[in-house]
């Protein structure tokens, strides 16, 4: 039995939507379980609630604009966001390893600020160029009738 694979653009769009869904899930978790997570991470409950709200906003924006922004824009924003996420987690872990109680606040602080920047950049990004309907021949990238000397 042969399975039809989705075109790469459709799979990437689903990836952007899944990333937004993960942010929504993390946002709900941070907001609902702010007190126990705050104790675990050494961060204030209000910071976790703010982080949760920021993640909810970002996740919703990401899902809303997944189809109307270019995949290049979405991918670049996700790479930048996730790189900062990893860096803030590493800095927070290093701080905790050295005995500082502020490691969790660094990571959660990033989660409170970065999603809002991500969402703002995505909303203000140029819309993706319109795509031709399926079955429409694409334009050639170079002229086949160019004169040769």
C-alpha atoms as a PDB file:
ATOM      1  CA  UNK A   1       0.000   0.000   0.000  1.00  0.00           C
ATOM      2  CA  UNK A   2       1.424   3.351  -1.040  1.00  0.00           C
ATOM      3  CA  UNK A   3       1.075   6.358   1.243  1.00  0.00           C
ATOM      4  CA  UNK A   4       0.976   9.853  -0.159  1.00  0.00           C
ATOM      5  CA  UNK A   5       3.454  12.124   1.571  1.00  0.00           C
ATOM      6  CA  UNK A   6       2.601  15.724   2.278  1.00  0.00           C
ATOM      7  CA  UNK A   7       4.651  18.243   0.340  1.00  0.00           C
ATOM      8  CA  UNK A   8       7.637  19.616   2.306  1.00  0.00           C
ATOM      9  CA  UNK A   9       5.953  23.015   2.702  1.00  0.00           C
ATOM     10  CA  UNK A  10       2.923  21.369   4.327  1.00  0.00           C
ATOM     11  CA  UNK A  11       5.141  19.399   6.700  1.00  0.00           C
ATOM     12  CA  UNK A  12       7.029  22.541   7.661  1.00  0.00           C
ATOM     13  CA  UNK A  13       3.752  24.354   8.273  1.00  0.00           C
ATOM     14  CA  UNK A  14       2.686  21.497  10.527  1.00  0.00           C
ATOM     15  CA  UNK A  15       6.021  21.846  12.328  1.00  0.00           C
ATOM     16  CA  UNK A  16       5.360  25.539  12.976  1.00  0.00           C
ATOM     17  CA  UNK A  17       1.864  24.710  14.222  1.00  0.00           C
ATOM     18  CA  UNK A  18       3.279  21.969  16.476  1.00  0.00           C
ATOM     19  CA  UNK A  19       5.849  24.427  17.855  1.00  0.00           C
ATOM     20  CA  UNK A  20       3.026  26.856  18.636  1.00  0.00           C
ATOM     21  CA  UNK A  21       1.044  24.034  20.235  1.00  0.00           C
ATOM     22  CA  UNK A  22       4.011  23.162  22.444  1.00  0.00           C
ATOM     23  CA  UNK A  23       4.246  26.805  23.540  1.00  0.00           C
ATOM     24  CA  UNK A  24       0.523  26.764  24.364  1.00  0.00           C
ATOM     25  CA  UNK A  25       0.932  23.604  26.442  1.00  0.00           C
ATOM     26  CA  UNK A  26       3.984  24.981  28.250  1.00  0.00           C
ATOM     27  CA  UNK A  27       2.168  28.278  28.821  1.00  0.00           C
ATOM     28  CA  UNK A  28      -0.836  26.586  30.416  1.00  0.00           C
ATOM     29  CA  UNK A  29       1.460  24.444  32.539  1.00  0.00           C
ATOM     30  CA  UNK A  30       3.483  27.452  33.752  1.00  0.00           C
ATOM     31  CA  UNK A  31       0.381  29.481  34.553  1.00  0.00           C
ATOM     32  CA  UNK A  32      -1.571  26.690  36.262  1.00  0.00           C
ATOM     33  CA  UNK A  33       1.334  25.180  38.220  1.00  0.00           C
ATOM     34  CA  UNK A  34       3.188  28.431  38.952  1.00  0.00           C
ATOM     35  CA  UNK A  35       3.591  27.819  42.689  1.00  0.00           C
ATOM     36  CA  UNK A  36       5.052  24.293  42.583  1.00  0.00           C
ATOM     37  CA  UNK A  37       7.214  25.066  39.545  1.00  0.00           C
ATOM     38  CA  UNK A  38       8.366  28.257  41.228  1.00  0.00           C
ATOM     39  CA  UNK A  39       9.543  26.301  44.259  1.00  0.00           C
ATOM     40  CA  UNK A  40      11.223  23.693  42.042  1.00  0.00           C
ATOM     41  CA  UNK A  41      13.028  26.247  39.871  1.00  0.00           C
ATOM     42  CA  UNK A  42      13.662  28.869  42.536  1.00  0.00           C
ATOM     43  CA  UNK A  43      11.620  31.466  40.657  1.00  0.00           C
ATOM     44  CA  UNK A  44       8.760  33.671  41.786  1.00  0.00           C
ATOM     45  CA  UNK A  45       5.260  32.411  41.065  1.00  0.00           C
ATOM     46  CA  UNK A  46       4.349  35.734  39.424  1.00  0.00           C
ATOM     47  CA  UNK A  47       7.251  35.278  36.987  1.00  0.00           C
ATOM     48  CA  UNK A  48       5.937  31.846  36.037  1.00  0.00           C
ATOM     49  CA  UNK A  49       2.440  33.241  35.522  1.00  0.00           C
ATOM     50  CA  UNK A  50       3.883  36.034  33.347  1.00  0.00           C
ATOM     51  CA  UNK A  51       5.894  33.429  31.443  1.00  0.00           C
ATOM     52  CA  UNK A  52       2.773  31.325  30.976  1.00  0.00           C
ATOM     53  CA  UNK A  53       0.804  34.270  29.600  1.00  0.00           C
ATOM     54  CA  UNK A  54       3.663  35.216  27.251  1.00  0.00           C
ATOM     55  CA  UNK A  55       3.916  31.631  25.992  1.00  0.00           C
ATOM     56  CA  UNK A  56       0.147  31.467  25.445  1.00  0.00           C
ATOM     57  CA  UNK A  57       0.255  34.675  23.406  1.00  0.00           C
ATOM     58  CA  UNK A  58       3.234  33.475  21.385  1.00  0.00           C
ATOM     59  CA  UNK A  59       1.798  30.019  20.748  1.00  0.00           C
ATOM     60  CA  UNK A  60      -1.494  31.489  19.574  1.00  0.00           C
ATOM     61  CA  UNK A  61       0.233  33.980  17.288  1.00  0.00           C
ATOM     62  CA  UNK A  62       2.501  31.273  15.882  1.00  0.00           C
ATOM     63  CA  UNK A  63      -0.446  29.019  15.032  1.00  0.00           C
ATOM     64  CA  UNK A  64      -2.450  31.950  13.633  1.00  0.00           C
ATOM     65  CA  UNK A  65       0.344  33.120  11.309  1.00  0.00           C
ATOM     66  CA  UNK A  66       1.824  29.722  10.355  1.00  0.00           C
ATOM     67  CA  UNK A  67       0.184  29.752   6.926  1.00  0.00           C
ATOM     68  CA  UNK A  68       0.398  33.461   6.162  1.00  0.00           C
ATOM     69  CA  UNK A  69       4.124  34.012   6.803  1.00  0.00           C
ATOM     70  CA  UNK A  70       6.964  32.562   4.786  1.00  0.00           C
ATOM     71  CA  UNK A  71       8.538  29.359   6.076  1.00  0.00           C
ATOM     72  CA  UNK A  72      11.897  31.098   5.915  1.00  0.00           C
ATOM     73  CA  UNK A  73      10.687  33.756   8.367  1.00  0.00           C
ATOM     74  CA  UNK A  74       9.078  31.198  10.681  1.00  0.00           C
ATOM     75  CA  UNK A  75      12.137  28.958  10.630  1.00  0.00           C
ATOM     76  CA  UNK A  76      14.556  31.786  11.354  1.00  0.00           C
ATOM     77  CA  UNK A  77      12.437  33.022  14.246  1.00  0.00           C
ATOM     78  CA  UNK A  78      12.136  29.512  15.706  1.00  0.00           C
ATOM     79  CA  UNK A  79      15.900  28.954  15.417  1.00  0.00           C
ATOM     80  CA  UNK A  80      16.650  32.272  17.124  1.00  0.00           C
ATOM     81  CA  UNK A  81      14.075  31.627  19.861  1.00  0.00           C
ATOM     82  CA  UNK A  82      15.196  28.057  20.496  1.00  0.00           C
ATOM     83  CA  UNK A  83      18.871  29.071  20.521  1.00  0.00           C
ATOM     84  CA  UNK A  84      18.112  31.638  23.207  1.00  0.00           C
ATOM     85  CA  UNK A  85      16.074  29.046  25.073  1.00  0.00           C
ATOM     86  CA  UNK A  86      19.018  26.631  25.131  1.00  0.00           C
ATOM     87  CA  UNK A  87      21.467  29.380  26.074  1.00  0.00           C
ATOM     88  CA  UNK A  88      19.283  30.622  28.934  1.00  0.00           C
ATOM     89  CA  UNK A  89      18.808  27.038  30.157  1.00  0.00           C
ATOM     90  CA  UNK A  90      22.577  26.474  30.095  1.00  0.00           C
ATOM     91  CA  UNK A  91      23.261  29.741  31.926  1.00  0.00           C
ATOM     92  CA  UNK A  92      20.569  28.903  34.477  1.00  0.00           C
ATOM     93  CA  UNK A  93      21.956  25.390  34.985  1.00  0.00           C
ATOM     94  CA  UNK A  94      25.491  26.758  35.354  1.00  0.00           C
ATOM     95  CA  UNK A  95      24.297  29.274  37.921  1.00  0.00           C
ATOM     96  CA  UNK A  96      22.451  26.558  39.856  1.00  0.00           C
ATOM     97  CA  UNK A  97      25.509  24.294  39.690  1.00  0.00           C
ATOM     98  CA  UNK A  98      27.590  27.092  41.224  1.00  0.00           C
ATOM     99  CA  UNK A  99      25.093  27.446  44.068  1.00  0.00           C
ATOM    100  CA  UNK A 100      23.151  30.484  42.880  1.00  0.00           C
ATOM    101  CA  UNK A 101      19.421  30.481  43.433  1.00  0.00           C
ATOM    102  CA  UNK A 102      18.816  32.697  40.395  1.00  0.00           C
ATOM    103  CA  UNK A 103      19.263  30.020  37.723  1.00  0.00           C
ATOM    104  CA  UNK A 104      15.550  29.307  37.457  1.00  0.00           C
ATOM    105  CA  UNK A 105      14.756  33.005  37.279  1.00  0.00           C
ATOM    106  CA  UNK A 106      17.134  33.410  34.328  1.00  0.00           C
ATOM    107  CA  UNK A 107      15.423  30.640  32.373  1.00  0.00           C
ATOM    108  CA  UNK A 108      11.867  31.624  33.316  1.00  0.00           C
ATOM    109  CA  UNK A 109      12.729  35.292  32.730  1.00  0.00           C
ATOM    110  CA  UNK A 110      13.719  34.375  29.197  1.00  0.00           C
ATOM    111  CA  UNK A 111      10.405  32.542  28.826  1.00  0.00           C
ATOM    112  CA  UNK A 112       8.569  35.673  29.944  1.00  0.00           C
ATOM    113  CA  UNK A 113      10.293  38.062  27.515  1.00  0.00           C
ATOM    114  CA  UNK A 114      11.374  36.131  24.411  1.00  0.00           C
ATOM    115  CA  UNK A 115       7.933  34.809  23.388  1.00  0.00           C
ATOM    116  CA  UNK A 116       6.586  38.359  23.213  1.00  0.00           C
ATOM    117  CA  UNK A 117       9.487  39.425  20.979  1.00  0.00           C
ATOM    118  CA  UNK A 118       8.949  36.328  18.810  1.00  0.00           C
ATOM    119  CA  UNK A 119       5.215  37.080  18.490  1.00  0.00           C
ATOM    120  CA  UNK A 120       5.814  40.757  17.676  1.00  0.00           C
ATOM    121  CA  UNK A 121       8.358  39.899  14.986  1.00  0.00           C
ATOM    122  CA  UNK A 122       6.061  37.287  13.466  1.00  0.00           C
ATOM    123  CA  UNK A 123       3.058  39.637  13.392  1.00  0.00           C
ATOM    124  CA  UNK A 124       5.069  42.441  11.776  1.00  0.00           C
ATOM    125  CA  UNK A 125       6.818  40.172   9.235  1.00  0.00           C
ATOM    126  CA  UNK A 126       5.879  40.495   5.592  1.00  0.00           C
ATOM    127  CA  UNK A 127       3.171  38.086   4.446  1.00  0.00           C
ATOM    128  CA  UNK A 128       4.233  35.094   2.395  1.00  0.00           C
ATOM    129  CA  UNK A 129       3.889  35.577  -1.351  1.00  0.00           C
ATOM    130  CA  UNK A 130       0.708  34.033  -2.753  1.00  0.00           C
ATOM    131  CA  UNK A 131       1.082  30.476  -3.982  1.00  0.00           C
ATOM    132  CA  UNK A 132      -0.301  29.206  -7.253  1.00  0.00           C
ATOM    133  CA  UNK A 133      -3.202  26.761  -6.965  1.00  0.00           C
ATOM    134  CA  UNK A 134      -2.283  23.070  -7.273  1.00  0.00           C
ATOM    135  CA  UNK A 135      -1.896  21.958 -10.878  1.00  0.00           C
ATOM    136  CA  UNK A 136      -0.882  25.405 -12.103  1.00  0.00           C
ATOM    137  CA  UNK A 137       2.396  25.325 -14.055  1.00  0.00           C
ATOM    138  CA  UNK A 138       5.155  27.244 -12.345  1.00  0.00           C
ATOM    139  CA  UNK A 139       6.980  30.114 -13.986  1.00  0.00           C
ATOM    140  CA  UNK A 140      10.375  29.224 -15.436  1.00  0.00           C
ATOM    141  CA  UNK A 141      13.292  30.648 -13.485  1.00  0.00           C
ATOM    142  CA  UNK A 142      15.129  31.624 -16.668  1.00  0.00           C
ATOM    143  CA  UNK A 143      14.048  32.404 -20.161  1.00  0.00           C
ATOM    144  CA  UNK A 144      14.085  29.392 -22.447  1.00  0.00           C
ATOM    145  CA  UNK A 145      13.915  31.650 -25.497  1.00  0.00           C
ATOM    146  CA  UNK A 146      16.944  33.780 -24.640  1.00  0.00           C
ATOM    147  CA  UNK A 147      18.965  34.687 -27.688  1.00  0.00           C
ATOM    148  CA  UNK A 148      22.365  33.113 -27.941  1.00  0.00           C
ATOM    149  CA  UNK A 149      25.243  34.754 -29.754  1.00  0.00           C
END
